[in-house]
Amino acid sequence: MADAREDPEQLVAGLTDGLGADVVIEAVGVPESFELCTRMVRPGGHVANVGVHGKPATLHLEDLWIKNVTIPTGLVDTHSTPPCCAWPPPADCPRHN
């Protein structure tokens, strides 16, 4: 369980030895949370964009192009989210331990 006072980026970095999360789910719909999610995802990972955005969010391609991430948008729901979240997780995945 994460403490609300913890910095999410530092928490994820610490749990993944700096690699980033396999899947990050953006469910708030504000530019800051979307951009935070794109910074926390690992190379080859997925950012499931569930939040309904009322303002533009910046997609930092200067940082993301090398990471080869997938960002499904629109109606990301219980039908379209599972492909992002392999279960059970691999044995070497920090969320598994």
N, C-alpha and C. Protein backbone atom coordinates (compact mmCIF):
# COMPACT_ATOMS: atom_id res chain seq x y z
N MET A 1 0.85 -1.17 0.00
CA MET A 1 0.00 0.00 0.00
C MET A 1 0.90 1.23 0.00
N ALA A 2 0.62 2.13 -0.90
CA ALA A 2 1.40 3.37 -0.99
C ALA A 2 0.84 4.42 -0.04
N ASP A 3 1.70 5.21 0.51
CA ASP A 3 1.31 6.33 1.35
C ASP A 3 1.05 7.52 0.42
N ALA A 4 -0.03 8.25 0.64
CA ALA A 4 -0.40 9.38 -0.22
C ALA A 4 0.68 10.46 -0.25
N ARG A 5 1.55 10.47 0.74
CA ARG A 5 2.62 11.47 0.77
C ARG A 5 3.83 11.06 -0.08
N GLU A 6 3.85 9.82 -0.53
CA GLU A 6 4.97 9.35 -1.34
C GLU A 6 4.88 9.90 -2.76
N ASP A 7 6.02 10.15 -3.35
CA ASP A 7 6.08 10.58 -4.74
C ASP A 7 5.89 9.36 -5.63
N PRO A 8 4.84 9.33 -6.46
CA PRO A 8 4.57 8.14 -7.27
C PRO A 8 5.74 7.75 -8.19
N GLU A 9 6.39 8.74 -8.79
CA GLU A 9 7.52 8.42 -9.67
C GLU A 9 8.64 7.72 -8.91
N GLN A 10 8.97 8.22 -7.73
CA GLN A 10 10.03 7.61 -6.93
C GLN A 10 9.62 6.22 -6.46
N LEU A 11 8.36 6.05 -6.09
CA LEU A 11 7.86 4.77 -5.63
C LEU A 11 7.98 3.72 -6.74
N VAL A 12 7.51 4.05 -7.94
CA VAL A 12 7.58 3.12 -9.06
C VAL A 12 9.03 2.84 -9.44
N ALA A 13 9.84 3.87 -9.46
CA ALA A 13 11.26 3.68 -9.79
C ALA A 13 11.92 2.75 -8.77
N GLY A 14 11.60 2.93 -7.51
CA GLY A 14 12.18 2.08 -6.48
C GLY A 14 11.73 0.63 -6.57
N LEU A 15 10.47 0.42 -6.92
CA LEU A 15 9.94 -0.94 -7.03
C LEU A 15 10.42 -1.68 -8.28
N THR A 16 10.84 -0.91 -9.29
CA THR A 16 11.21 -1.52 -10.57
C THR A 16 12.69 -1.33 -10.91
N ASP A 17 13.49 -1.00 -9.91
CA ASP A 17 14.92 -0.72 -10.15
C ASP A 17 15.13 0.32 -11.24
N GLY A 18 14.23 1.31 -11.28
CA GLY A 18 14.37 2.41 -12.22
C GLY A 18 13.82 2.15 -13.60
N LEU A 19 13.32 0.95 -13.87
CA LEU A 19 12.85 0.62 -15.21
C LEU A 19 11.49 1.23 -15.53
N GLY A 20 10.58 1.28 -14.59
CA GLY A 20 9.23 1.80 -14.82
C GLY A 20 8.20 0.68 -14.79
N ALA A 21 6.94 1.07 -14.75
CA ALA A 21 5.84 0.12 -14.62
C ALA A 21 5.48 -0.51 -15.97
N ASP A 22 5.07 -1.78 -15.93
CA ASP A 22 4.60 -2.46 -17.14
C ASP A 22 3.36 -1.77 -17.68
N VAL A 23 2.43 -1.45 -16.79
CA VAL A 23 1.16 -0.81 -17.14
C VAL A 23 0.90 0.31 -16.17
N VAL A 24 0.53 1.47 -16.70
CA VAL A 24 0.13 2.61 -15.89
C VAL A 24 -1.27 3.01 -16.35
N ILE A 25 -2.19 3.16 -15.41
CA ILE A 25 -3.57 3.52 -15.77
C ILE A 25 -3.83 4.96 -15.35
N GLU A 26 -4.12 5.80 -16.32
CA GLU A 26 -4.45 7.20 -16.08
C GLU A 26 -5.97 7.26 -15.96
N ALA A 27 -6.48 7.58 -14.78
CA ALA A 27 -7.93 7.56 -14.55
C ALA A 27 -8.46 8.89 -14.03
N VAL A 28 -7.63 9.92 -14.01
CA VAL A 28 -8.04 11.20 -13.45
C VAL A 28 -8.53 12.16 -14.53
N GLY A 29 -7.84 12.20 -15.66
CA GLY A 29 -8.26 13.05 -16.76
C GLY A 29 -7.73 14.47 -16.72
N VAL A 30 -6.60 14.67 -16.06
CA VAL A 30 -5.98 16.00 -16.06
C VAL A 30 -4.59 15.87 -16.67
N PRO A 31 -4.10 16.95 -17.30
CA PRO A 31 -2.80 16.88 -17.97
C PRO A 31 -1.67 16.38 -17.06
N GLU A 32 -1.65 16.82 -15.81
CA GLU A 32 -0.57 16.44 -14.91
C GLU A 32 -0.53 14.93 -14.67
N SER A 33 -1.69 14.31 -14.51
CA SER A 33 -1.69 12.86 -14.24
C SER A 33 -1.34 12.07 -15.51
N PHE A 34 -1.77 12.54 -16.68
CA PHE A 34 -1.40 11.86 -17.92
C PHE A 34 0.11 11.92 -18.13
N GLU A 35 0.68 13.10 -17.95
CA GLU A 35 2.12 13.26 -18.14
C GLU A 35 2.91 12.46 -17.10
N LEU A 36 2.41 12.38 -15.87
CA LEU A 36 3.04 11.56 -14.84
C LEU A 36 3.05 10.10 -15.28
N CYS A 37 1.94 9.63 -15.79
CA CYS A 37 1.86 8.23 -16.25
C CYS A 37 2.86 7.95 -17.36
N THR A 38 3.01 8.88 -18.30
CA THR A 38 3.96 8.64 -19.39
C THR A 38 5.40 8.64 -18.90
N ARG A 39 5.67 9.31 -17.79
CA ARG A 39 7.03 9.28 -17.23
C ARG A 39 7.28 8.00 -16.44
N MET A 40 6.23 7.35 -15.92
CA MET A 40 6.40 6.17 -15.07
C MET A 40 6.37 4.85 -15.83
N VAL A 41 6.00 4.85 -17.10
CA VAL A 41 5.88 3.60 -17.85
C VAL A 41 7.26 3.15 -18.35
N ARG A 42 7.48 1.85 -18.35
CA ARG A 42 8.76 1.28 -18.78
C ARG A 42 8.79 1.19 -20.31
N PRO A 43 9.96 1.04 -20.89
CA PRO A 43 10.04 0.80 -22.33
C PRO A 43 9.23 -0.44 -22.70
N GLY A 44 8.42 -0.31 -23.74
CA GLY A 44 7.56 -1.40 -24.19
C GLY A 44 6.30 -1.54 -23.36
N GLY A 45 6.07 -0.63 -22.41
CA GLY A 45 4.91 -0.70 -21.53
C GLY A 45 3.67 -0.06 -22.12
N HIS A 46 2.63 0.01 -21.30
CA HIS A 46 1.33 0.51 -21.73
C HIS A 46 0.82 1.57 -20.77
N VAL A 47 0.27 2.65 -21.33
CA VAL A 47 -0.44 3.66 -20.54
C VAL A 47 -1.90 3.56 -20.95
N ALA A 48 -2.74 2.98 -20.09
CA ALA A 48 -4.17 2.88 -20.38
C ALA A 48 -4.81 4.20 -19.97
N ASN A 49 -5.30 4.94 -20.95
CA ASN A 49 -5.85 6.28 -20.71
C ASN A 49 -7.36 6.17 -20.49
N VAL A 50 -7.78 6.05 -19.23
CA VAL A 50 -9.18 5.88 -18.87
C VAL A 50 -9.83 7.22 -18.55
N GLY A 51 -9.06 8.17 -18.05
CA GLY A 51 -9.60 9.46 -17.64
C GLY A 51 -10.22 10.23 -18.80
N VAL A 52 -11.25 11.00 -18.48
CA VAL A 52 -11.91 11.85 -19.48
C VAL A 52 -11.26 13.22 -19.37
N HIS A 53 -10.57 13.62 -20.43
CA HIS A 53 -9.80 14.86 -20.42
C HIS A 53 -10.62 16.03 -20.92
N GLY A 54 -10.63 17.10 -20.13
CA GLY A 54 -11.31 18.32 -20.53
C GLY A 54 -10.35 19.39 -21.03
N LYS A 55 -9.05 19.13 -20.85
CA LYS A 55 -8.01 20.06 -21.29
C LYS A 55 -6.96 19.28 -22.06
N PRO A 56 -6.22 19.95 -22.93
CA PRO A 56 -5.15 19.27 -23.66
C PRO A 56 -4.05 18.77 -22.71
N ALA A 57 -3.49 17.63 -23.04
CA ALA A 57 -2.33 17.09 -22.33
C ALA A 57 -1.20 16.94 -23.34
N THR A 58 0.00 17.22 -22.90
CA THR A 58 1.15 17.15 -23.79
C THR A 58 1.65 15.72 -23.88
N LEU A 59 1.85 15.26 -25.10
CA LEU A 59 2.44 13.96 -25.35
C LEU A 59 3.91 14.22 -25.69
N HIS A 60 4.78 13.97 -24.74
CA HIS A 60 6.20 14.30 -24.90
C HIS A 60 6.90 13.24 -25.77
N LEU A 61 6.73 13.39 -27.06
CA LEU A 61 7.35 12.43 -27.98
C LEU A 61 8.86 12.47 -27.95
N GLU A 62 9.43 13.60 -27.52
CA GLU A 62 10.88 13.68 -27.42
C GLU A 62 11.42 12.71 -26.37
N ASP A 63 10.57 12.31 -25.42
CA ASP A 63 10.95 11.33 -24.41
C ASP A 63 10.40 9.93 -24.71
N LEU A 64 9.24 9.88 -25.33
CA LEU A 64 8.55 8.60 -25.51
C LEU A 64 8.95 7.82 -26.75
N TRP A 65 9.49 8.47 -27.78
CA TRP A 65 9.74 7.78 -29.05
C TRP A 65 10.66 6.58 -28.86
N ILE A 66 11.60 6.67 -27.97
CA ILE A 66 12.56 5.58 -27.76
C ILE A 66 11.99 4.46 -26.89
N LYS A 67 10.89 4.75 -26.18
CA LYS A 67 10.33 3.78 -25.24
C LYS A 67 9.37 2.77 -25.88
N ASN A 68 8.86 3.08 -27.08
CA ASN A 68 7.97 2.16 -27.79
C ASN A 68 6.78 1.76 -26.91
N VAL A 69 6.08 2.76 -26.35
CA VAL A 69 4.95 2.49 -25.47
C VAL A 69 3.65 2.46 -26.28
N THR A 70 2.65 1.83 -25.69
CA THR A 70 1.31 1.79 -26.26
C THR A 70 0.41 2.63 -25.38
N ILE A 71 -0.41 3.50 -26.01
CA ILE A 71 -1.33 4.34 -25.25
C ILE A 71 -2.73 4.20 -25.85
N PRO A 72 -3.50 3.19 -25.39
CA PRO A 72 -4.88 3.10 -25.87
C PRO A 72 -5.70 4.24 -25.27
N THR A 73 -6.53 4.86 -26.09
CA THR A 73 -7.36 5.99 -25.64
C THR A 73 -8.81 5.74 -26.02
N GLY A 74 -9.65 6.66 -25.63
CA GLY A 74 -11.07 6.53 -25.95
C GLY A 74 -11.76 5.68 -24.91
N LEU A 75 -12.52 4.72 -25.37
CA LEU A 75 -13.29 3.89 -24.46
C LEU A 75 -12.45 2.72 -23.98
N VAL A 76 -11.53 3.02 -23.09
CA VAL A 76 -10.72 1.97 -22.46
C VAL A 76 -11.56 1.48 -21.28
N ASP A 77 -12.02 0.24 -21.37
CA ASP A 77 -12.92 -0.28 -20.35
C ASP A 77 -12.51 -1.69 -19.94
N THR A 78 -13.38 -2.40 -19.26
CA THR A 78 -13.04 -3.73 -18.78
C THR A 78 -12.83 -4.72 -19.92
N HIS A 79 -13.27 -4.39 -21.09
CA HIS A 79 -13.05 -5.26 -22.25
C HIS A 79 -11.69 -4.98 -22.91
N SER A 80 -11.31 -3.71 -22.99
CA SER A 80 -10.09 -3.36 -23.71
C SER A 80 -8.86 -3.24 -22.81
N THR A 81 -9.03 -3.16 -21.49
CA THR A 81 -7.89 -3.02 -20.59
C THR A 81 -7.12 -4.32 -20.37
N PRO A 82 -7.76 -5.50 -20.24
CA PRO A 82 -7.00 -6.73 -19.96
C PRO A 82 -5.82 -7.01 -20.88
N PRO A 83 -5.88 -6.72 -22.19
CA PRO A 83 -4.67 -6.97 -22.99
C PRO A 83 -3.45 -6.20 -22.50
N CYS A 84 -3.66 -5.09 -21.81
CA CYS A 84 -2.55 -4.31 -21.25
C CYS A 84 -1.97 -4.97 -20.01
N CYS A 85 -2.77 -5.76 -19.33
CA CYS A 85 -2.38 -6.29 -18.02
C CYS A 85 -2.29 -7.81 -18.07
N ALA A 86 -1.14 -8.32 -18.43
CA ALA A 86 -0.96 -9.77 -18.46
C ALA A 86 -1.12 -10.34 -17.07
N TRP A 87 -1.87 -11.42 -16.94
CA TRP A 87 -2.06 -12.06 -15.64
C TRP A 87 -2.01 -13.56 -15.81
N PRO A 88 -1.30 -14.30 -15.04
CA PRO A 88 -0.50 -13.80 -13.91
C PRO A 88 0.74 -13.09 -14.41
N PRO A 89 1.26 -12.18 -13.59
CA PRO A 89 2.48 -11.47 -14.00
C PRO A 89 3.67 -12.42 -14.02
N PRO A 90 4.68 -12.09 -14.82
CA PRO A 90 5.88 -12.92 -14.83
C PRO A 90 6.52 -12.98 -13.44
N ALA A 91 7.20 -14.05 -13.15
CA ALA A 91 7.81 -14.26 -11.83
C ALA A 91 8.80 -13.16 -11.45
N ASP A 92 9.45 -12.55 -12.44
CA ASP A 92 10.45 -11.52 -12.14
C ASP A 92 9.83 -10.13 -12.02
N CYS A 93 8.52 -10.02 -12.11
CA CYS A 93 7.83 -8.72 -12.02
C CYS A 93 7.70 -8.32 -10.56
N PRO A 94 8.08 -7.07 -10.20
CA PRO A 94 8.02 -6.66 -8.80
C PRO A 94 6.63 -6.77 -8.19
N ARG A 95 5.57 -6.60 -8.98
CA ARG A 95 4.24 -6.68 -8.39
C ARG A 95 3.89 -8.11 -8.02
N HIS A 96 4.64 -9.09 -8.52
CA HIS A 96 4.40 -10.49 -8.25
C HIS A 96 4.98 -10.92 -6.90
N ASN A 97 6.06 -10.29 -6.51
CA ASN A 97 6.78 -10.67 -5.28
C ASN A 97 6.13 -10.17 -4.03
